[in-house]
Amino acid sequence: MQVRELCRLLGLPRGIGELGCVHLEGNEVRYELGDFPFVGETPVDAMRNRGAFDLATATAELEPHDPWNEGREATLILRGRADVVAVSRTLAQHGFDWCELVDNGALHRRPGLRAYHLAPTGTGKARGVAVDRRRHGIGREEAFYVGDSAADLACAPEVAQCWLVANAEPDLDWPLHTAAPYGAGVAEVVSRLLSI
C-alpha cells in the first residue's frame, strides 16, 4: 500500500518494498519470500499467529514500529534495541528458522533506538534489487541505489553506485554521501544521474 502510493506520487512504474519482499509493477504484485514455508498465509500473519513476533519482542527490547506496520504482508517493522544475531538464533532454536531479525538502521527522530524488520529468512534489499534487475534486463552498470543504513549498503554489489544520504548513520564508512538529507539527498543523486 505504501509503495503503491509512493510510486503514484512520483510517477514511477514500479517499486520494491518490505525489505525486498514485495515487488509492485502497475497493479501486479509479486512476492520474493525466501525460505518462507507456509501456503495460505502471509509471512506477517505467520509471524503473529505462530508466535515468532511474540518471541522476538520477548527476547529483546523491541516493540512494533506503528503505524508503519499497517497493511504489511511480508515483514514487520520493530523499534528498540536488539542483538540481531542473538534474536535470530533464538527464533531458530524455537522452530522459527524461516524468519530472522534484520537491522534497518537508526531512528533519527527517536535517538538511541533502531528500526528492525522481522523478515522471512533468505530475503533482503540486495536480493530484491537483484531479482528486479534480472526481471527487467537491467545491467549492474545501469543501476543505482540510495539509502541511509548498513542494510542499504548491502545492495552495493548489485549496482554501479550506492549512495548514502547525509542523514545516514554517521559510523558508516562509505565514499558516496549526498550533501542533503532524506528525500532531498535522493533528489540530489537523481539530478546527478540526469546530468550524466
N, C-alpha and C. Protein backbone atom coordinates (compact mmCIF):
# COMPACT_ATOMS: atom_id res chain seq x y z
N MET A 1 0.83 -1.18 0.00
CA MET A 1 0.00 0.00 0.00
C MET A 1 0.88 1.26 0.00
N GLN A 2 1.91 1.28 0.86
CA GLN A 2 2.80 2.44 0.93
C GLN A 2 3.60 2.59 -0.35
N VAL A 3 4.09 1.48 -0.90
CA VAL A 3 4.88 1.53 -2.13
C VAL A 3 4.00 1.99 -3.29
N ARG A 4 2.79 1.49 -3.35
CA ARG A 4 1.88 1.89 -4.44
C ARG A 4 1.64 3.40 -4.41
N GLU A 5 1.40 3.95 -3.24
CA GLU A 5 1.14 5.39 -3.13
C GLU A 5 2.39 6.20 -3.49
N LEU A 6 3.54 5.75 -3.04
CA LEU A 6 4.78 6.46 -3.37
C LEU A 6 5.04 6.43 -4.87
N CYS A 7 4.85 5.28 -5.50
CA CYS A 7 5.02 5.19 -6.96
C CYS A 7 4.05 6.11 -7.68
N ARG A 8 2.82 6.16 -7.20
CA ARG A 8 1.82 7.03 -7.83
C ARG A 8 2.24 8.50 -7.73
N LEU A 9 2.69 8.90 -6.54
CA LEU A 9 3.08 10.30 -6.33
C LEU A 9 4.29 10.70 -7.17
N LEU A 10 5.23 9.77 -7.34
CA LEU A 10 6.45 10.07 -8.07
C LEU A 10 6.37 9.71 -9.55
N GLY A 11 5.27 9.10 -9.98
CA GLY A 11 5.12 8.72 -11.37
C GLY A 11 6.01 7.56 -11.77
N LEU A 12 6.29 6.68 -10.83
CA LEU A 12 7.17 5.53 -11.11
C LEU A 12 6.34 4.32 -11.53
N PRO A 13 6.82 3.54 -12.51
CA PRO A 13 6.06 2.38 -12.98
C PRO A 13 6.13 1.18 -12.04
N ARG A 14 7.14 1.15 -11.16
CA ARG A 14 7.27 0.00 -10.26
C ARG A 14 8.06 0.39 -9.02
N GLY A 15 7.95 -0.44 -8.00
CA GLY A 15 8.67 -0.20 -6.76
C GLY A 15 8.85 -1.50 -5.99
N ILE A 16 9.77 -1.46 -5.05
CA ILE A 16 10.06 -2.62 -4.21
C ILE A 16 9.91 -2.19 -2.76
N GLY A 17 9.24 -3.01 -1.96
CA GLY A 17 9.03 -2.68 -0.56
C GLY A 17 9.27 -3.85 0.35
N GLU A 18 9.10 -3.59 1.63
CA GLU A 18 9.20 -4.60 2.67
C GLU A 18 10.50 -5.40 2.57
N LEU A 19 11.61 -4.68 2.59
CA LEU A 19 12.95 -5.28 2.62
C LEU A 19 13.20 -6.17 1.40
N GLY A 20 12.67 -5.77 0.25
CA GLY A 20 12.89 -6.51 -0.99
C GLY A 20 11.93 -7.66 -1.23
N CYS A 21 10.92 -7.83 -0.37
CA CYS A 21 9.99 -8.96 -0.48
C CYS A 21 8.79 -8.69 -1.39
N VAL A 22 8.38 -7.44 -1.51
CA VAL A 22 7.18 -7.10 -2.28
C VAL A 22 7.59 -6.26 -3.48
N HIS A 23 7.25 -6.76 -4.67
CA HIS A 23 7.56 -6.07 -5.93
C HIS A 23 6.25 -5.66 -6.58
N LEU A 24 6.10 -4.35 -6.76
CA LEU A 24 4.88 -3.79 -7.32
C LEU A 24 5.19 -3.25 -8.71
N GLU A 25 4.39 -3.65 -9.68
CA GLU A 25 4.54 -3.15 -11.04
C GLU A 25 3.14 -2.91 -11.59
N GLY A 26 2.76 -1.64 -11.69
CA GLY A 26 1.38 -1.33 -12.06
C GLY A 26 0.46 -1.88 -10.99
N ASN A 27 -0.50 -2.71 -11.40
CA ASN A 27 -1.40 -3.35 -10.45
C ASN A 27 -0.95 -4.75 -10.05
N GLU A 28 0.15 -5.22 -10.64
CA GLU A 28 0.67 -6.55 -10.34
C GLU A 28 1.56 -6.51 -9.10
N VAL A 29 1.36 -7.46 -8.21
CA VAL A 29 2.20 -7.59 -7.02
C VAL A 29 2.83 -8.97 -7.05
N ARG A 30 4.16 -9.01 -6.91
CA ARG A 30 4.89 -10.28 -6.83
C ARG A 30 5.60 -10.33 -5.49
N TYR A 31 5.81 -11.52 -4.98
CA TYR A 31 6.44 -11.70 -3.68
C TYR A 31 7.72 -12.52 -3.83
N GLU A 32 8.76 -12.07 -3.16
CA GLU A 32 10.03 -12.80 -3.06
C GLU A 32 10.21 -13.11 -1.59
N LEU A 33 9.84 -14.33 -1.18
CA LEU A 33 9.73 -14.64 0.25
C LEU A 33 10.79 -15.59 0.78
N GLY A 34 11.86 -15.81 0.01
CA GLY A 34 12.97 -16.59 0.53
C GLY A 34 12.56 -17.95 1.03
N ASP A 35 12.85 -18.23 2.30
CA ASP A 35 12.62 -19.54 2.89
C ASP A 35 11.25 -19.69 3.56
N PHE A 36 10.35 -18.76 3.34
CA PHE A 36 9.04 -18.84 3.98
C PHE A 36 8.30 -20.09 3.51
N PRO A 37 7.93 -20.99 4.44
CA PRO A 37 7.42 -22.31 4.04
C PRO A 37 5.91 -22.48 3.95
N PHE A 38 5.13 -21.52 4.39
CA PHE A 38 3.70 -21.76 4.53
C PHE A 38 2.90 -21.23 3.35
N VAL A 39 1.86 -21.97 2.99
CA VAL A 39 0.96 -21.58 1.92
C VAL A 39 -0.37 -21.18 2.55
N GLY A 40 -0.98 -20.15 2.02
CA GLY A 40 -2.29 -19.75 2.51
C GLY A 40 -2.26 -18.72 3.62
N GLU A 41 -1.08 -18.26 4.00
CA GLU A 41 -0.97 -17.17 4.98
C GLU A 41 0.24 -16.32 4.62
N THR A 42 0.16 -15.05 4.93
CA THR A 42 1.29 -14.18 4.65
C THR A 42 2.36 -14.38 5.72
N PRO A 43 3.60 -13.98 5.44
CA PRO A 43 4.62 -14.05 6.49
C PRO A 43 4.23 -13.26 7.74
N VAL A 44 3.62 -12.08 7.56
CA VAL A 44 3.20 -11.29 8.72
C VAL A 44 2.18 -12.05 9.54
N ASP A 45 1.19 -12.68 8.88
CA ASP A 45 0.20 -13.48 9.61
C ASP A 45 0.89 -14.62 10.37
N ALA A 46 1.80 -15.30 9.69
CA ALA A 46 2.51 -16.43 10.33
C ALA A 46 3.35 -15.96 11.51
N MET A 47 4.04 -14.84 11.36
CA MET A 47 4.87 -14.32 12.45
C MET A 47 4.02 -13.98 13.67
N ARG A 48 2.86 -13.41 13.42
CA ARG A 48 1.98 -13.05 14.54
C ARG A 48 1.27 -14.28 15.13
N ASN A 49 0.68 -15.10 14.26
CA ASN A 49 -0.17 -16.20 14.74
C ASN A 49 0.61 -17.41 15.24
N ARG A 50 1.81 -17.64 14.75
CA ARG A 50 2.58 -18.80 15.15
C ARG A 50 3.54 -18.50 16.30
N GLY A 51 3.70 -17.22 16.67
CA GLY A 51 4.48 -16.87 17.86
C GLY A 51 5.85 -16.28 17.63
N ALA A 52 6.31 -16.13 16.40
CA ALA A 52 7.64 -15.57 16.14
C ALA A 52 7.72 -14.12 16.60
N PHE A 53 6.68 -13.35 16.34
CA PHE A 53 6.66 -11.95 16.76
C PHE A 53 6.75 -11.84 18.28
N ASP A 54 5.94 -12.64 19.00
CA ASP A 54 5.97 -12.60 20.46
C ASP A 54 7.33 -12.99 21.01
N LEU A 55 7.96 -14.01 20.42
CA LEU A 55 9.27 -14.44 20.88
C LEU A 55 10.33 -13.37 20.62
N ALA A 56 10.30 -12.75 19.45
CA ALA A 56 11.28 -11.70 19.13
C ALA A 56 11.16 -10.52 20.09
N THR A 57 9.93 -10.09 20.38
CA THR A 57 9.76 -8.94 21.28
C THR A 57 10.04 -9.30 22.73
N ALA A 58 9.91 -10.58 23.09
CA ALA A 58 10.23 -11.01 24.45
C ALA A 58 11.73 -11.21 24.63
N THR A 59 12.45 -11.46 23.53
CA THR A 59 13.89 -11.75 23.58
C THR A 59 14.72 -10.47 23.66
N ALA A 60 14.21 -9.36 23.15
CA ALA A 60 14.95 -8.10 23.11
C ALA A 60 14.00 -6.95 23.43
N GLU A 61 14.58 -5.76 23.60
CA GLU A 61 13.78 -4.56 23.87
C GLU A 61 13.20 -4.05 22.55
N LEU A 62 12.13 -4.68 22.10
CA LEU A 62 11.52 -4.35 20.82
C LEU A 62 10.02 -4.16 20.97
N GLU A 63 9.48 -3.26 20.15
CA GLU A 63 8.04 -3.05 20.09
C GLU A 63 7.68 -2.77 18.64
N PRO A 64 6.42 -2.93 18.27
CA PRO A 64 6.02 -2.62 16.89
C PRO A 64 6.31 -1.16 16.56
N HIS A 65 6.78 -0.92 15.37
CA HIS A 65 7.06 0.46 14.91
C HIS A 65 5.83 0.96 14.15
N ASP A 66 4.74 1.06 14.88
CA ASP A 66 3.48 1.50 14.28
C ASP A 66 3.48 3.02 14.14
N PRO A 67 2.82 3.56 13.14
CA PRO A 67 1.81 2.94 12.30
C PRO A 67 2.36 2.28 11.04
N TRP A 68 3.67 2.10 10.94
CA TRP A 68 4.29 1.63 9.69
C TRP A 68 4.02 0.16 9.39
N ASN A 69 3.36 -0.56 10.30
CA ASN A 69 3.03 -1.96 10.03
C ASN A 69 1.68 -2.13 9.35
N GLU A 70 0.94 -1.05 9.23
CA GLU A 70 -0.38 -1.12 8.63
C GLU A 70 -0.30 -1.59 7.18
N GLY A 71 -1.01 -2.66 6.86
CA GLY A 71 -1.06 -3.18 5.50
C GLY A 71 0.14 -4.02 5.09
N ARG A 72 1.06 -4.26 5.99
CA ARG A 72 2.25 -5.03 5.62
C ARG A 72 1.90 -6.52 5.50
N GLU A 73 2.58 -7.20 4.57
CA GLU A 73 2.32 -8.62 4.33
C GLU A 73 3.55 -9.49 4.57
N ALA A 74 4.75 -8.96 4.30
CA ALA A 74 5.95 -9.81 4.32
C ALA A 74 6.84 -9.59 5.52
N THR A 75 6.98 -8.36 5.99
CA THR A 75 7.86 -8.09 7.13
C THR A 75 7.14 -7.21 8.14
N LEU A 76 7.52 -7.36 9.39
CA LEU A 76 7.04 -6.48 10.46
C LEU A 76 8.18 -5.55 10.84
N ILE A 77 7.87 -4.27 11.05
CA ILE A 77 8.89 -3.34 11.49
C ILE A 77 8.78 -3.18 13.00
N LEU A 78 9.93 -3.34 13.64
CA LEU A 78 10.03 -3.19 15.09
C LEU A 78 11.00 -2.06 15.40
N ARG A 79 10.90 -1.50 16.60
CA ARG A 79 11.88 -0.49 17.02
C ARG A 79 12.34 -0.83 18.43
N GLY A 80 13.55 -0.39 18.73
CA GLY A 80 14.12 -0.62 20.05
C GLY A 80 15.61 -0.87 19.95
N ARG A 81 16.07 -1.83 20.77
CA ARG A 81 17.47 -2.23 20.76
C ARG A 81 17.55 -3.74 20.81
N ALA A 82 18.35 -4.32 19.93
CA ALA A 82 18.42 -5.79 19.88
C ALA A 82 19.75 -6.24 19.29
N ASP A 83 20.17 -7.41 19.71
CA ASP A 83 21.29 -8.11 19.09
C ASP A 83 20.66 -9.02 18.04
N VAL A 84 20.78 -8.65 16.75
CA VAL A 84 20.06 -9.38 15.71
C VAL A 84 20.52 -10.83 15.61
N VAL A 85 21.79 -11.10 15.86
CA VAL A 85 22.28 -12.48 15.79
C VAL A 85 21.64 -13.30 16.90
N ALA A 86 21.61 -12.76 18.11
CA ALA A 86 21.03 -13.49 19.24
C ALA A 86 19.53 -13.71 19.05
N VAL A 87 18.81 -12.70 18.60
CA VAL A 87 17.36 -12.86 18.39
C VAL A 87 17.10 -13.88 17.29
N SER A 88 17.83 -13.80 16.19
CA SER A 88 17.62 -14.76 15.08
C SER A 88 17.98 -16.17 15.52
N ARG A 89 19.01 -16.32 16.33
CA ARG A 89 19.39 -17.64 16.84
C ARG A 89 18.27 -18.19 17.74
N THR A 90 17.72 -17.34 18.61
CA THR A 90 16.63 -17.77 19.48
C THR A 90 15.41 -18.18 18.66
N LEU A 91 15.09 -17.40 17.63
CA LEU A 91 13.98 -17.77 16.75
C LEU A 91 14.19 -19.15 16.15
N ALA A 92 15.39 -19.40 15.63
CA ALA A 92 15.70 -20.69 15.01
C ALA A 92 15.60 -21.83 16.02
N GLN A 93 16.09 -21.59 17.23
CA GLN A 93 16.04 -22.62 18.28
C GLN A 93 14.61 -23.00 18.66
N HIS A 94 13.68 -22.12 18.41
CA HIS A 94 12.28 -22.38 18.75
C HIS A 94 11.43 -22.74 17.52
N GLY A 95 12.10 -23.13 16.44
CA GLY A 95 11.39 -23.60 15.26
C GLY A 95 11.00 -22.53 14.27
N PHE A 96 11.49 -21.32 14.48
CA PHE A 96 11.17 -20.21 13.57
C PHE A 96 12.37 -19.88 12.68
N ASP A 97 13.04 -20.91 12.16
CA ASP A 97 14.21 -20.67 11.31
C ASP A 97 13.82 -20.07 9.96
N TRP A 98 12.54 -19.96 9.69
CA TRP A 98 12.04 -19.36 8.45
C TRP A 98 11.94 -17.84 8.53
N CYS A 99 12.27 -17.27 9.70
CA CYS A 99 12.31 -15.81 9.80
C CYS A 99 13.51 -15.38 10.63
N GLU A 100 13.89 -14.11 10.45
CA GLU A 100 15.06 -13.58 11.14
C GLU A 100 14.85 -12.09 11.41
N LEU A 101 15.66 -11.55 12.32
CA LEU A 101 15.62 -10.13 12.61
C LEU A 101 16.72 -9.44 11.82
N VAL A 102 16.38 -8.35 11.13
CA VAL A 102 17.32 -7.61 10.30
C VAL A 102 17.37 -6.17 10.79
N ASP A 103 18.58 -5.67 11.03
CA ASP A 103 18.78 -4.28 11.46
C ASP A 103 18.61 -3.36 10.26
N ASN A 104 17.70 -2.39 10.36
CA ASN A 104 17.48 -1.46 9.25
C ASN A 104 17.91 -0.03 9.60
N GLY A 105 18.71 0.13 10.65
CA GLY A 105 19.32 1.43 10.92
C GLY A 105 18.70 2.22 12.05
N ALA A 106 19.39 3.32 12.38
CA ALA A 106 18.99 4.20 13.47
C ALA A 106 17.72 4.97 13.13
N LEU A 107 16.92 5.22 14.15
CA LEU A 107 15.74 6.06 14.01
C LEU A 107 16.13 7.48 14.44
N HIS A 108 16.27 8.37 13.49
CA HIS A 108 16.77 9.71 13.78
C HIS A 108 15.85 10.52 14.68
N ARG A 109 14.56 10.25 14.59
CA ARG A 109 13.62 11.00 15.42
C ARG A 109 13.40 10.36 16.78
N ARG A 110 14.06 9.24 17.01
CA ARG A 110 13.99 8.55 18.30
C ARG A 110 15.42 8.15 18.68
N PRO A 111 16.21 9.09 19.16
CA PRO A 111 17.63 8.84 19.46
C PRO A 111 17.81 7.62 20.36
N GLY A 112 18.80 6.81 20.00
CA GLY A 112 19.11 5.61 20.77
C GLY A 112 18.35 4.37 20.33
N LEU A 113 17.33 4.54 19.49
CA LEU A 113 16.55 3.40 19.03
C LEU A 113 16.88 3.10 17.57
N ARG A 114 16.68 1.84 17.20
CA ARG A 114 16.93 1.40 15.84
C ARG A 114 15.66 0.76 15.28
N ALA A 115 15.58 0.70 13.96
CA ALA A 115 14.48 0.02 13.28
C ALA A 115 14.96 -1.37 12.88
N TYR A 116 14.10 -2.34 13.00
CA TYR A 116 14.39 -3.73 12.63
C TYR A 116 13.23 -4.27 11.82
N HIS A 117 13.53 -5.23 10.96
CA HIS A 117 12.49 -5.97 10.27
C HIS A 117 12.52 -7.41 10.78
N LEU A 118 11.37 -7.95 11.10
CA LEU A 118 11.21 -9.38 11.27
C LEU A 118 10.80 -9.86 9.89
N ALA A 119 11.70 -10.59 9.24
CA ALA A 119 11.55 -10.88 7.81
C ALA A 119 11.75 -12.36 7.53
N PRO A 120 11.20 -12.83 6.41
CA PRO A 120 11.48 -14.21 6.01
C PRO A 120 12.98 -14.39 5.76
N THR A 121 13.53 -15.48 6.24
CA THR A 121 14.94 -15.80 6.02
C THR A 121 15.19 -15.95 4.51
N GLY A 122 16.34 -15.45 4.08
CA GLY A 122 16.69 -15.57 2.66
C GLY A 122 16.18 -14.43 1.81
N THR A 123 15.71 -13.36 2.47
CA THR A 123 15.25 -12.18 1.74
C THR A 123 16.19 -11.02 2.07
N GLY A 124 15.88 -9.86 1.56
CA GLY A 124 16.67 -8.67 1.87
C GLY A 124 16.66 -7.70 0.73
N LYS A 125 17.13 -6.50 1.00
CA LYS A 125 17.14 -5.45 -0.01
C LYS A 125 18.00 -5.84 -1.22
N ALA A 126 19.19 -6.39 -0.97
CA ALA A 126 20.08 -6.75 -2.08
C ALA A 126 19.44 -7.82 -2.96
N ARG A 127 18.80 -8.80 -2.36
CA ARG A 127 18.12 -9.83 -3.14
C ARG A 127 16.98 -9.21 -3.96
N GLY A 128 16.25 -8.28 -3.36
CA GLY A 128 15.16 -7.61 -4.08
C GLY A 128 15.67 -6.85 -5.29
N VAL A 129 16.80 -6.16 -5.14
CA VAL A 129 17.39 -5.42 -6.26
C VAL A 129 17.85 -6.40 -7.34
N ALA A 130 18.49 -7.49 -6.94
CA ALA A 130 18.98 -8.48 -7.90
C ALA A 130 17.83 -9.09 -8.71
N VAL A 131 16.75 -9.44 -8.04
CA VAL A 131 15.59 -10.02 -8.71
C VAL A 131 14.99 -9.02 -9.70
N ASP A 132 14.86 -7.77 -9.28
CA ASP A 132 14.29 -6.74 -10.15
C ASP A 132 15.19 -6.50 -11.38
N ARG A 133 16.49 -6.45 -11.17
CA ARG A 133 17.41 -6.24 -12.30
C ARG A 133 17.28 -7.37 -13.31
N ARG A 134 17.27 -8.61 -12.83
CA ARG A 134 17.14 -9.77 -13.73
C ARG A 134 15.82 -9.74 -14.47
N ARG A 135 14.75 -9.48 -13.76
CA ARG A 135 13.41 -9.50 -14.37
C ARG A 135 13.28 -8.46 -15.48
N HIS A 136 13.95 -7.33 -15.32
CA HIS A 136 13.81 -6.24 -16.29
C HIS A 136 15.03 -6.06 -17.18
N GLY A 137 15.97 -7.00 -17.13
CA GLY A 137 17.15 -6.94 -18.00
C GLY A 137 18.01 -5.71 -17.78
N ILE A 138 18.14 -5.30 -16.54
CA ILE A 138 18.95 -4.12 -16.20
C ILE A 138 20.33 -4.58 -15.75
N GLY A 139 21.34 -4.11 -16.43
CA GLY A 139 22.72 -4.46 -16.06
C GLY A 139 23.13 -3.75 -14.78
N ARG A 140 24.06 -4.36 -14.09
CA ARG A 140 24.57 -3.76 -12.85
C ARG A 140 25.03 -2.32 -13.09
N GLU A 141 25.70 -2.08 -14.22
CA GLU A 141 26.24 -0.75 -14.54
C GLU A 141 25.13 0.28 -14.81
N GLU A 142 23.90 -0.16 -14.97
CA GLU A 142 22.77 0.75 -15.22
C GLU A 142 21.95 1.02 -13.96
N ALA A 143 22.31 0.41 -12.85
CA ALA A 143 21.52 0.51 -11.63
C ALA A 143 22.24 1.35 -10.57
N PHE A 144 21.45 2.14 -9.84
CA PHE A 144 21.98 3.00 -8.78
C PHE A 144 21.07 2.86 -7.57
N TYR A 145 21.63 3.11 -6.39
CA TYR A 145 20.88 2.90 -5.16
C TYR A 145 21.18 4.04 -4.19
N VAL A 146 20.15 4.47 -3.45
CA VAL A 146 20.31 5.49 -2.42
C VAL A 146 19.66 4.99 -1.15
N GLY A 147 20.36 5.10 -0.02
CA GLY A 147 19.81 4.64 1.24
C GLY A 147 20.42 5.37 2.41
N ASP A 148 20.17 4.84 3.61
CA ASP A 148 20.69 5.51 4.81
C ASP A 148 21.20 4.56 5.89
N SER A 149 21.33 3.26 5.56
CA SER A 149 21.73 2.30 6.60
C SER A 149 22.65 1.22 6.04
N ALA A 150 23.19 0.41 6.95
CA ALA A 150 24.03 -0.71 6.54
C ALA A 150 23.24 -1.70 5.68
N ALA A 151 21.96 -1.85 5.96
CA ALA A 151 21.12 -2.74 5.14
C ALA A 151 21.07 -2.24 3.70
N ASP A 152 21.13 -0.93 3.51
CA ASP A 152 21.15 -0.37 2.15
C ASP A 152 22.51 -0.60 1.49
N LEU A 153 23.59 -0.49 2.25
CA LEU A 153 24.92 -0.72 1.69
C LEU A 153 25.10 -2.15 1.20
N ALA A 154 24.30 -3.07 1.73
CA ALA A 154 24.37 -4.46 1.25
C ALA A 154 24.01 -4.55 -0.22
N CYS A 155 23.35 -3.53 -0.76
CA CYS A 155 22.95 -3.51 -2.18
C CYS A 155 24.10 -3.09 -3.10
N ALA A 156 25.19 -2.60 -2.55
CA ALA A 156 26.30 -2.08 -3.37
C ALA A 156 26.80 -3.07 -4.43
N PRO A 157 26.93 -4.36 -4.14
CA PRO A 157 27.39 -5.28 -5.19
C PRO A 157 26.42 -5.44 -6.35
N GLU A 158 25.18 -5.01 -6.18
CA GLU A 158 24.15 -5.17 -7.21
C GLU A 158 24.00 -3.95 -8.12
N VAL A 159 24.72 -2.86 -7.83
CA VAL A 159 24.54 -1.62 -8.57
C VAL A 159 25.88 -0.98 -8.93
N ALA A 160 25.83 -0.04 -9.87
CA ALA A 160 27.04 0.68 -10.26
C ALA A 160 27.49 1.63 -9.16
N GLN A 161 26.54 2.33 -8.53
CA GLN A 161 26.85 3.24 -7.44
C GLN A 161 25.81 3.10 -6.35
N CYS A 162 26.29 3.09 -5.12
CA CYS A 162 25.41 3.03 -3.96
C CYS A 162 25.72 4.28 -3.12
N TRP A 163 24.71 5.09 -2.89
CA TRP A 163 24.87 6.35 -2.17
C TRP A 163 24.21 6.28 -0.80
N LEU A 164 24.78 7.02 0.14
CA LEU A 164 24.14 7.25 1.43
C LEU A 164 23.73 8.71 1.50
N VAL A 165 22.51 8.97 1.99
CA VAL A 165 22.07 10.35 2.17
C VAL A 165 22.78 10.94 3.38
N ALA A 166 22.79 12.27 3.48
CA ALA A 166 23.54 12.97 4.52
C ALA A 166 23.12 12.58 5.94
N ASN A 167 21.88 12.18 6.14
CA ASN A 167 21.42 11.79 7.47
C ASN A 167 21.67 10.32 7.79
N ALA A 168 22.45 9.64 6.95
CA ALA A 168 22.76 8.22 7.21
C ALA A 168 23.52 8.08 8.52
N GLU A 169 23.53 6.87 9.01
CA GLU A 169 24.23 6.61 10.27
C GLU A 169 25.67 7.09 10.17
N PRO A 170 26.12 7.92 11.10
CA PRO A 170 27.44 8.53 10.99
C PRO A 170 28.61 7.55 11.05
N ASP A 171 28.41 6.39 11.65
CA ASP A 171 29.52 5.43 11.76
C ASP A 171 29.71 4.57 10.51
N LEU A 172 28.89 4.77 9.49
CA LEU A 172 29.04 4.01 8.25
C LEU A 172 30.14 4.63 7.41
N ASP A 173 31.18 3.86 7.15
CA ASP A 173 32.32 4.33 6.36
C ASP A 173 32.04 4.01 4.90
N TRP A 174 31.68 5.04 4.13
CA TRP A 174 31.29 4.83 2.74
C TRP A 174 31.68 6.07 1.94
N PRO A 175 32.22 5.91 0.74
CA PRO A 175 32.72 7.08 0.00
C PRO A 175 31.65 7.98 -0.64
N LEU A 176 30.49 7.46 -0.94
CA LEU A 176 29.49 8.25 -1.65
C LEU A 176 28.38 8.71 -0.70
N HIS A 177 28.44 9.99 -0.33
CA HIS A 177 27.45 10.62 0.54
C HIS A 177 26.87 11.84 -0.16
N THR A 178 25.58 12.06 0.01
CA THR A 178 24.97 13.27 -0.54
C THR A 178 25.20 14.43 0.43
N ALA A 179 25.06 15.63 -0.07
CA ALA A 179 25.15 16.81 0.79
C ALA A 179 23.84 17.02 1.53
N ALA A 180 22.73 16.60 0.93
CA ALA A 180 21.41 16.81 1.52
C ALA A 180 20.91 15.55 2.23
N PRO A 181 20.06 15.70 3.23
CA PRO A 181 19.49 14.55 3.93
C PRO A 181 18.17 14.08 3.29
N TYR A 182 17.71 12.92 3.75
CA TYR A 182 16.39 12.38 3.42
C TYR A 182 16.07 12.45 1.93
N GLY A 183 14.84 12.84 1.58
CA GLY A 183 14.40 12.89 0.18
C GLY A 183 15.19 13.86 -0.66
N ALA A 184 15.67 14.95 -0.05
CA ALA A 184 16.49 15.90 -0.81
C ALA A 184 17.79 15.24 -1.25
N GLY A 185 18.31 14.31 -0.45
CA GLY A 185 19.51 13.56 -0.83
C GLY A 185 19.24 12.64 -2.00
N VAL A 186 18.07 12.02 -2.00
CA VAL A 186 17.67 11.16 -3.13
C VAL A 186 17.57 12.02 -4.39
N ALA A 187 16.92 13.18 -4.26
CA ALA A 187 16.79 14.08 -5.41
C ALA A 187 18.16 14.52 -5.92
N GLU A 188 19.10 14.70 -5.02
CA GLU A 188 20.47 15.08 -5.40
C GLU A 188 21.10 14.02 -6.29
N VAL A 189 20.94 12.75 -5.92
CA VAL A 189 21.50 11.66 -6.73
C VAL A 189 20.79 11.59 -8.07
N VAL A 190 19.48 11.71 -8.08
CA VAL A 190 18.72 11.69 -9.34
C VAL A 190 19.21 12.81 -10.25
N SER A 191 19.41 14.02 -9.71
CA SER A 191 19.91 15.14 -10.52
C SER A 191 21.28 14.84 -11.10
N ARG A 192 22.15 14.23 -10.30
CA ARG A 192 23.48 13.85 -10.79
C ARG A 192 23.37 12.88 -11.96
N LEU A 193 22.50 11.90 -11.80
CA LEU A 193 22.34 10.89 -12.85
C LEU A 193 21.76 11.49 -14.13
N LEU A 194 20.84 12.40 -13.99
CA LEU A 194 20.22 13.03 -15.16
C LEU A 194 21.21 13.92 -15.90
N SER A 195 22.23 14.39 -15.21
CA SER A 195 23.21 15.27 -15.87
C SER A 195 24.35 14.51 -16.52
N ILE A 196 24.38 13.20 -16.36
CA ILE A 196 25.47 12.38 -16.96
C ILE A 196 25.28 12.30 -18.45
